[in-house]
């Protein structure tokens, strides 16, 4: 047995879990606004560990791994430099990840650490799936391509989804990680074929405050008619659009759904756009995969909002033969379940995601078991 810690750091806070591995038993978890020694000291103060040396590995979630990482990597000088070089692609996240890594390295200097990348799972995409139709010299010179996000979640869902596909030789899964940030991934034989987010998390489906994909000329037109700078409009598309922008009410889908049910026309429109974009990507990926055996709903909205699951599946029913049992679907919040009917042409499941356990597994395999 070994204690392994996972760290998911944001721009101003972090989430952590301490596991007993390989049993995957969570000893403690939490959120805090300051990092490093305060967290690990609290483990001793609360009697969770007796000595810092009991922690045998730390796994850090890293948003952007660029073209460099197709799997988790040991944190060394080269890994650190590459993560730093990718800060322009994820300025808030990658910089915060490095700050957090350095703080924990100072607090636990003898503890090995790994980096687990949100983008790694998507490195199996073919060039036709990740290349943007811009002048190719820009693609080559600046590494401009579709990187995707939520890869650790999609990988977990792909593995967990296999329990519903016993006997399927080449499983085809469409995983929907739908929260305030959202992405959809097409998976065949356990590998990513295509994913919705692009160069940054702004791409793909509409989200809480992000536009998702749209006509790129909208950007230039908004700059010209408003007099705002390109950076101001870019921030608008990232932070003031999506549910918030269309509804004018909230970035939280629960608030928007409540307003829609009360008859607010902008909330109704926001909800319709959201559901249709999800259905659009599922339809696109159905074609890309040559069919689909399982659709998975996960993350904050996917796990907890039965109305979104119901409405998206209704949009898929006529074309793809998707049918769900709403007596099963409607009461479910945050629990795993198969919600499709026996005569549905595609199985539909709710699977709560667990990115942290994937990070813990890699940290244990690379830093503890592999020794």
Protein backbone atom coordinates (compact mmCIF):
# COMPACT_ATOMS: atom_id res chain seq x y z
CA UNK A 1 0.00 0.00 0.00
CA UNK A 2 1.14 3.56 -0.72
CA UNK A 3 -0.33 7.01 -0.27
CA UNK A 4 -0.65 9.00 -3.48
CA UNK A 5 -1.85 12.59 -3.74
CA UNK A 6 -3.63 14.21 -6.70
CA UNK A 7 -3.65 17.95 -7.31
CA UNK A 8 -6.06 19.87 -9.54
CA UNK A 9 -5.03 23.51 -9.39
CA UNK A 10 -6.80 26.54 -10.81
CA UNK A 11 -5.79 30.17 -11.05
CA UNK A 12 -6.65 30.88 -7.40
CA UNK A 13 -7.44 27.59 -5.68
CA UNK A 14 -6.84 23.86 -5.78
CA UNK A 15 -8.66 20.59 -5.23
CA UNK A 16 -6.79 17.68 -3.74
CA UNK A 17 -7.30 14.03 -2.84
CA UNK A 18 -5.16 11.62 -0.90
CA UNK A 19 -5.52 7.97 -1.94
CA UNK A 20 -4.43 4.64 -0.51
CA UNK A 21 -3.16 2.82 -3.58
CA UNK A 22 -3.62 0.47 -5.33
CA UNK A 23 -6.94 0.05 -3.46
CA UNK A 24 -8.01 3.52 -4.71
CA UNK A 25 -9.41 4.32 -1.28
CA UNK A 26 -9.88 8.07 -0.76
CA UNK A 27 -8.38 9.00 2.63
CA UNK A 28 -9.31 12.68 2.38
CA UNK A 29 -10.14 15.38 -0.13
CA UNK A 30 -10.74 19.09 -0.16
CA UNK A 31 -10.49 22.54 -1.70
CA UNK A 32 -8.26 25.36 -0.55
CA UNK A 33 -7.17 28.81 -1.65
CA UNK A 34 -3.53 28.50 -0.65
CA UNK A 35 -1.17 25.74 -1.62
CA UNK A 36 1.86 23.67 -0.67
CA UNK A 37 2.84 23.31 2.96
CA UNK A 38 -0.57 24.27 4.37
CA UNK A 39 -2.20 21.28 2.68
CA UNK A 40 0.33 18.64 3.64
CA UNK A 41 0.70 20.03 7.18
CA UNK A 42 -3.04 19.61 7.65
CA UNK A 43 -2.65 15.89 6.90
CA UNK A 44 -0.39 15.54 9.94
CA UNK A 45 -2.53 17.81 12.13
CA UNK A 46 -5.60 15.70 11.37
CA UNK A 47 -3.76 12.41 11.88
CA UNK A 48 -4.16 11.26 8.29
CA UNK A 49 -0.41 10.72 8.01
CA UNK A 50 2.33 10.64 10.64
CA UNK A 51 5.17 11.74 8.40
CA UNK A 52 5.52 13.54 5.07
CA UNK A 53 7.49 10.56 3.72
CA UNK A 54 4.30 8.49 3.75
CA UNK A 55 3.24 10.32 0.57
CA UNK A 56 4.98 8.33 -2.16
CA UNK A 57 3.84 10.24 -5.26
CA UNK A 58 1.95 13.34 -6.38
CA UNK A 59 -0.04 13.60 -9.60
CA UNK A 60 -0.72 17.05 -11.02
CA UNK A 61 -3.48 17.76 -13.53
CA UNK A 62 -2.14 19.93 -16.38
CA UNK A 63 -4.57 21.47 -18.85
CA UNK A 64 -2.32 21.89 -21.89
CA UNK A 65 0.35 19.42 -22.98
CA UNK A 66 0.51 20.58 -26.58
CA UNK A 67 2.07 18.24 -29.13
CA UNK A 68 4.63 17.01 -26.61
CA UNK A 69 2.69 14.63 -24.38
CA UNK A 70 0.49 11.68 -25.36
CA UNK A 71 0.56 10.22 -21.86
CA UNK A 72 1.37 11.24 -18.28
CA UNK A 73 5.00 12.22 -17.74
CA UNK A 74 7.37 12.35 -14.79
CA UNK A 75 7.96 15.92 -13.66
CA UNK A 76 11.56 16.80 -14.51
CA UNK A 77 13.30 19.84 -15.94
CA UNK A 78 12.28 19.03 -19.51
CA UNK A 79 8.62 18.46 -18.58
CA UNK A 80 8.57 21.70 -16.62
CA UNK A 81 10.05 23.70 -19.51
CA UNK A 82 7.57 22.28 -22.02
CA UNK A 83 4.60 23.07 -19.77
CA UNK A 84 5.96 26.60 -19.36
CA UNK A 85 6.33 27.00 -23.13
CA UNK A 86 2.63 26.18 -23.52
CA UNK A 87 1.40 28.94 -21.18
CA UNK A 88 0.22 31.05 -24.19
CA UNK A 89 -2.27 28.27 -25.06
CA UNK A 90 -3.61 28.08 -21.48
CA UNK A 91 -2.42 31.25 -19.72
CA UNK A 92 -4.48 30.94 -16.54
CA UNK A 93 -4.14 27.21 -16.12
CA UNK A 94 -0.61 26.18 -17.10
CA UNK A 95 0.98 29.03 -15.15
CA UNK A 96 -1.06 28.09 -12.07
CA UNK A 97 -0.16 24.41 -12.47
CA UNK A 98 3.55 25.27 -12.42
CA UNK A 99 3.15 27.51 -9.37
CA UNK A 100 1.41 24.64 -7.61
CA UNK A 101 3.99 22.05 -8.68
CA UNK A 102 6.84 24.22 -7.39
CA UNK A 103 5.07 24.82 -4.08
CA UNK A 104 4.58 21.11 -3.49
CA UNK A 105 8.12 20.36 -4.62
CA UNK A 106 9.33 22.75 -1.92
CA UNK A 107 7.03 21.19 0.68
CA UNK A 108 7.83 17.58 -0.30
CA UNK A 109 11.26 17.72 -1.98
CA UNK A 110 11.79 13.95 -1.96
CA UNK A 111 8.39 13.02 -3.35
CA UNK A 112 8.28 12.21 -7.10
CA UNK A 113 5.60 13.90 -9.16
CA UNK A 114 3.90 13.30 -12.49
CA UNK A 115 1.99 15.54 -14.87
CA UNK A 116 -1.29 14.22 -16.31
CA UNK A 117 -2.44 16.23 -19.31
CA UNK A 118 -6.01 17.08 -20.35
CA UNK A 119 -4.84 17.00 -23.95
CA UNK A 120 -2.94 13.68 -23.92
CA UNK A 121 -5.86 11.37 -24.70
CA UNK A 122 -6.63 13.34 -27.86
CA UNK A 123 -3.16 12.84 -29.37
CA UNK A 124 -4.44 9.78 -31.28
CA UNK A 125 -6.50 11.96 -33.63
CA UNK A 126 -5.57 11.81 -37.32
CA UNK A 127 -4.25 14.97 -39.06
CA UNK A 128 -7.54 15.41 -40.91
CA UNK A 129 -9.30 15.59 -37.54
CA UNK A 130 -6.92 17.98 -35.77
CA UNK A 131 -5.67 20.29 -38.56
CA UNK A 132 -7.40 23.62 -39.11
CA UNK A 133 -7.91 24.85 -42.71
CA UNK A 134 -5.58 27.85 -42.38
CA UNK A 135 -2.32 28.49 -44.30
CA UNK A 136 -0.28 25.42 -43.48
CA UNK A 137 2.87 27.39 -42.67
CA UNK A 138 1.01 28.80 -39.65
CA UNK A 139 0.06 25.28 -38.56
CA UNK A 140 3.69 24.20 -38.76
CA UNK A 141 5.36 27.30 -37.37
CA UNK A 142 3.07 27.91 -34.42
CA UNK A 143 1.72 24.40 -33.70
CA UNK A 144 -1.84 25.59 -34.33
CA UNK A 145 -4.16 22.57 -34.22
CA UNK A 146 -7.05 20.99 -32.35
CA UNK A 147 -5.77 19.89 -28.94
CA UNK A 148 -9.04 19.28 -27.12
CA UNK A 149 -9.53 19.16 -23.36
CA UNK A 150 -11.04 16.98 -20.60
CA UNK A 151 -8.98 14.10 -22.00
CA UNK A 152 -8.47 12.44 -18.62
CA UNK A 153 -12.24 12.42 -18.11
CA UNK A 154 -12.97 11.06 -21.59
CA UNK A 155 -10.39 8.30 -21.12
CA UNK A 156 -11.98 7.30 -17.80
CA UNK A 157 -15.46 7.27 -19.36
CA UNK A 158 -14.24 5.18 -22.30
CA UNK A 159 -12.85 2.58 -19.91
CA UNK A 160 -15.88 2.54 -17.63
CA UNK A 161 -18.27 2.41 -20.56
CA UNK A 162 -16.96 -0.99 -21.67
CA UNK A 163 -19.03 -2.69 -18.94
CA UNK A 164 -22.10 -1.91 -21.05
CA UNK A 165 -20.55 -3.28 -24.25
CA UNK A 166 -19.68 -6.87 -23.40
CA UNK A 167 -19.05 -8.82 -26.60
CA UNK A 168 -18.67 -5.72 -28.80
CA UNK A 169 -15.48 -6.30 -30.78
CA UNK A 170 -14.70 -2.69 -31.72
CA UNK A 171 -16.60 -0.47 -29.27
CA UNK A 172 -17.68 2.94 -30.54
CA UNK A 173 -18.41 5.44 -27.78
CA UNK A 174 -19.45 9.09 -27.80
CA UNK A 175 -18.65 10.61 -24.41
CA UNK A 176 -20.30 13.88 -23.41
CA UNK A 177 -18.42 15.72 -20.64
CA UNK A 178 -21.03 18.42 -20.10
CA UNK A 179 -20.51 20.98 -17.38
CA UNK A 180 -19.89 24.72 -17.31
CA UNK A 181 -17.06 23.77 -19.64
CA UNK A 182 -18.10 21.03 -22.04
CA UNK A 183 -16.62 18.75 -24.66
CA UNK A 184 -17.71 15.75 -26.68
CA UNK A 185 -15.37 13.01 -27.88
CA UNK A 186 -15.66 10.20 -30.40
CA UNK A 187 -13.83 7.08 -29.20
CA UNK A 188 -13.15 3.84 -31.08
CA UNK A 189 -11.32 0.86 -29.58
CA UNK A 190 -10.49 3.01 -26.54
CA UNK A 191 -8.77 5.76 -28.56
CA UNK A 192 -9.86 9.29 -29.34
CA UNK A 193 -10.90 9.74 -32.97
CA UNK A 194 -12.26 13.29 -32.72
CA UNK A 195 -13.07 15.84 -30.02
CA UNK A 196 -15.03 19.08 -29.96
CA UNK A 197 -12.76 21.57 -28.17
CA UNK A 198 -10.12 23.15 -30.37
CA UNK A 199 -6.86 25.02 -29.97
CA UNK A 200 -8.24 26.19 -26.62
CA UNK A 201 -11.34 25.30 -24.56
CA UNK A 202 -13.29 28.04 -26.42
CA UNK A 203 -14.15 25.67 -29.27
CA UNK A 204 -16.85 23.02 -29.61
CA UNK A 205 -20.34 23.26 -28.15
CA UNK A 206 -21.80 26.30 -26.43
CA UNK A 207 -20.95 26.38 -22.71
CA UNK A 208 -21.63 28.37 -19.55
CA UNK A 209 -19.79 31.49 -20.74
CA UNK A 210 -18.07 30.31 -23.96
CA UNK A 211 -19.39 30.55 -27.51
CA UNK A 212 -18.17 27.23 -28.82
CA UNK A 213 -17.75 26.92 -32.60
CA UNK A 214 -19.24 29.60 -34.84
CA UNK A 215 -18.59 31.57 -38.03
CA UNK A 216 -15.13 33.12 -37.50
CA UNK A 217 -16.21 36.32 -39.26
CA UNK A 218 -18.38 37.12 -36.23
CA UNK A 219 -15.18 37.96 -34.36
CA UNK A 220 -14.00 40.55 -36.89
CA UNK A 221 -17.50 41.99 -37.26
CA UNK A 222 -17.95 42.49 -33.51
CA UNK A 223 -14.56 44.21 -33.34
CA UNK A 224 -15.55 46.57 -36.17
CA UNK A 225 -19.06 47.47 -34.94
CA UNK A 226 -18.29 47.84 -31.24
CA UNK A 227 -14.85 49.45 -31.41
CA UNK A 228 -13.62 46.95 -28.85
CA UNK A 229 -10.12 45.52 -29.18
CA UNK A 230 -9.52 41.98 -30.39
CA UNK A 231 -8.52 41.01 -26.84
CA UNK A 232 -11.71 42.50 -25.38
CA UNK A 233 -13.88 40.58 -27.84
CA UNK A 234 -11.89 37.39 -27.26
CA UNK A 235 -12.53 37.73 -23.52
CA UNK A 236 -16.22 38.42 -24.24
CA UNK A 237 -16.46 35.20 -26.24
CA UNK A 238 -14.75 33.32 -23.39
CA UNK A 239 -16.38 34.86 -20.33
CA UNK A 240 -19.61 36.61 -21.29
CA UNK A 241 -21.14 34.39 -23.96
CA UNK A 242 -22.76 30.94 -23.96
CA UNK A 243 -25.62 30.48 -21.48
CA UNK A 244 -24.81 33.82 -19.86
CA UNK A 245 -24.65 35.78 -23.09
CA UNK A 246 -27.76 34.38 -24.76
CA UNK A 247 -30.00 34.24 -21.69
CA UNK A 248 -28.77 37.42 -20.01
CA UNK A 249 -29.53 35.61 -16.75
CA UNK A 250 -26.74 33.28 -15.66
CA UNK A 251 -23.91 31.02 -16.75
CA UNK A 252 -25.48 28.27 -14.61
CA UNK A 253 -27.70 25.93 -16.62
CA UNK A 254 -29.94 25.38 -13.58
CA UNK A 255 -30.84 29.07 -13.47
CA UNK A 256 -31.41 29.16 -17.22
CA UNK A 257 -33.59 26.04 -17.17
CA UNK A 258 -35.67 27.48 -14.35
CA UNK A 259 -36.16 30.72 -16.28
CA UNK A 260 -37.00 28.77 -19.44
CA UNK A 261 -39.68 26.80 -17.62
CA UNK A 262 -41.08 30.12 -16.37
CA UNK A 263 -41.39 31.26 -19.98
CA UNK A 264 -38.37 33.55 -20.42
CA UNK A 265 -37.78 33.59 -24.20
CA UNK A 266 -34.04 34.20 -24.03
CA UNK A 267 -33.58 31.38 -21.54
CA UNK A 268 -35.64 29.08 -23.78
CA UNK A 269 -33.43 30.03 -26.74
CA UNK A 270 -30.20 29.49 -24.77
CA UNK A 271 -31.34 26.05 -23.71
CA UNK A 272 -32.39 25.11 -27.26
CA UNK A 273 -29.01 26.18 -28.67
CA UNK A 274 -27.17 24.19 -26.02
CA UNK A 275 -29.15 21.00 -26.61
CA UNK A 276 -28.93 21.28 -30.37
CA UNK A 277 -25.18 21.79 -30.36
CA UNK A 278 -24.74 18.66 -28.25
CA UNK A 279 -27.00 16.70 -30.62
CA UNK A 280 -25.15 18.14 -33.64
CA UNK A 281 -21.80 16.85 -32.39
CA UNK A 282 -23.23 13.45 -31.49
CA UNK A 283 -24.65 13.19 -35.01
CA UNK A 284 -21.34 14.26 -36.53
CA UNK A 285 -19.42 11.73 -34.47
CA UNK A 286 -21.93 8.99 -35.26
CA UNK A 287 -20.91 9.44 -38.90
CA UNK A 288 -17.22 9.73 -38.04
CA UNK A 289 -17.29 6.45 -36.10
CA UNK A 290 -19.47 4.64 -38.64
CA UNK A 291 -22.12 4.15 -35.96
CA UNK A 292 -22.22 4.22 -32.19
CA UNK A 293 -22.68 1.59 -29.48
CA UNK A 294 -22.85 3.85 -26.41
CA UNK A 295 -23.49 7.51 -25.58
CA UNK A 296 -22.24 8.61 -22.15
CA UNK A 297 -23.42 11.67 -20.22
CA UNK A 298 -21.05 12.93 -17.54
CA UNK A 299 -19.76 15.97 -15.58
CA UNK A 300 -21.87 18.57 -13.78
CA UNK A 301 -24.77 18.91 -16.21
CA UNK A 302 -24.49 15.46 -17.77
CA UNK A 303 -24.61 13.73 -14.40
CA UNK A 304 -27.13 15.96 -12.65
CA UNK A 305 -29.55 17.44 -15.16
CA UNK A 306 -32.15 14.92 -16.37
CA UNK A 307 -33.95 17.54 -18.46
CA UNK A 308 -30.87 18.12 -20.61
CA UNK A 309 -30.35 14.37 -21.07
CA UNK A 310 -34.02 13.96 -21.99
CA UNK A 311 -34.09 16.84 -24.47
CA UNK A 312 -30.81 15.91 -26.19
CA UNK A 313 -31.88 12.29 -26.59
CA UNK A 314 -35.23 13.43 -27.99
CA UNK A 315 -33.34 15.31 -30.71
CA UNK A 316 -31.50 12.09 -31.57
CA UNK A 317 -34.52 9.80 -31.56
CA UNK A 318 -35.80 10.13 -35.12
CA UNK A 319 -32.44 10.01 -36.90
CA UNK A 320 -30.44 7.65 -34.69
CA UNK A 321 -33.11 5.62 -32.94
CA UNK A 322 -32.06 6.75 -29.46
CA UNK A 323 -34.68 6.10 -26.80
CA UNK A 324 -34.40 6.58 -23.05
CA UNK A 325 -36.63 5.56 -20.17
CA UNK A 326 -37.56 8.82 -18.44
CA UNK A 327 -38.84 7.01 -15.38
CA UNK A 328 -35.23 5.92 -14.87
CA UNK A 329 -33.65 9.13 -16.17
CA UNK A 330 -35.56 11.86 -14.35
CA UNK A 331 -34.75 11.01 -10.71
CA UNK A 332 -31.02 10.46 -11.32
CA UNK A 333 -28.53 13.01 -10.04
CA UNK A 334 -24.87 12.10 -9.84
CA UNK A 335 -25.31 8.34 -9.99
CA UNK A 336 -24.39 5.79 -12.63
CA UNK A 337 -27.21 4.23 -14.62
CA UNK A 338 -28.16 2.82 -18.00
CA UNK A 339 -31.08 4.99 -19.09
CA UNK A 340 -31.75 3.73 -22.63
CA UNK A 341 -34.70 1.45 -23.33
CA UNK A 342 -34.13 -2.14 -24.52
CA UNK A 343 -35.22 -1.18 -28.06
CA UNK A 344 -32.94 1.86 -28.31
CA UNK A 345 -30.52 1.48 -31.25
CA UNK A 346 -27.76 3.04 -29.11
CA UNK A 347 -27.22 2.45 -25.41
CA UNK A 348 -27.21 5.59 -23.26
CA UNK A 349 -25.56 5.72 -19.83
CA UNK A 350 -24.84 8.22 -17.09
CA UNK A 351 -21.34 7.69 -15.70
CA UNK A 352 -19.97 10.11 -13.08
CA UNK A 353 -16.46 11.02 -14.13
CA UNK A 354 -13.40 10.60 -11.93
CA UNK A 355 -10.35 12.39 -13.30
CA UNK A 356 -8.55 12.20 -9.96
CA UNK A 357 -8.51 8.41 -9.82
CA UNK A 358 -6.97 8.32 -13.31
CA UNK A 359 -4.21 10.67 -12.14
CA UNK A 360 -3.69 8.56 -8.99
CA UNK A 361 -3.41 5.38 -11.07
CA UNK A 362 -0.74 6.89 -13.30
CA UNK A 363 1.18 8.32 -10.33
CA UNK A 364 1.13 4.94 -8.58
CA UNK A 365 2.17 3.01 -11.73
CA UNK A 366 4.98 5.40 -12.64
CA UNK A 367 6.38 6.38 -9.24
CA UNK A 368 5.61 3.50 -6.90
CA UNK A 369 4.81 0.22 -8.63
CA UNK A 370 7.34 0.80 -11.40
CA UNK A 371 10.24 1.10 -8.97
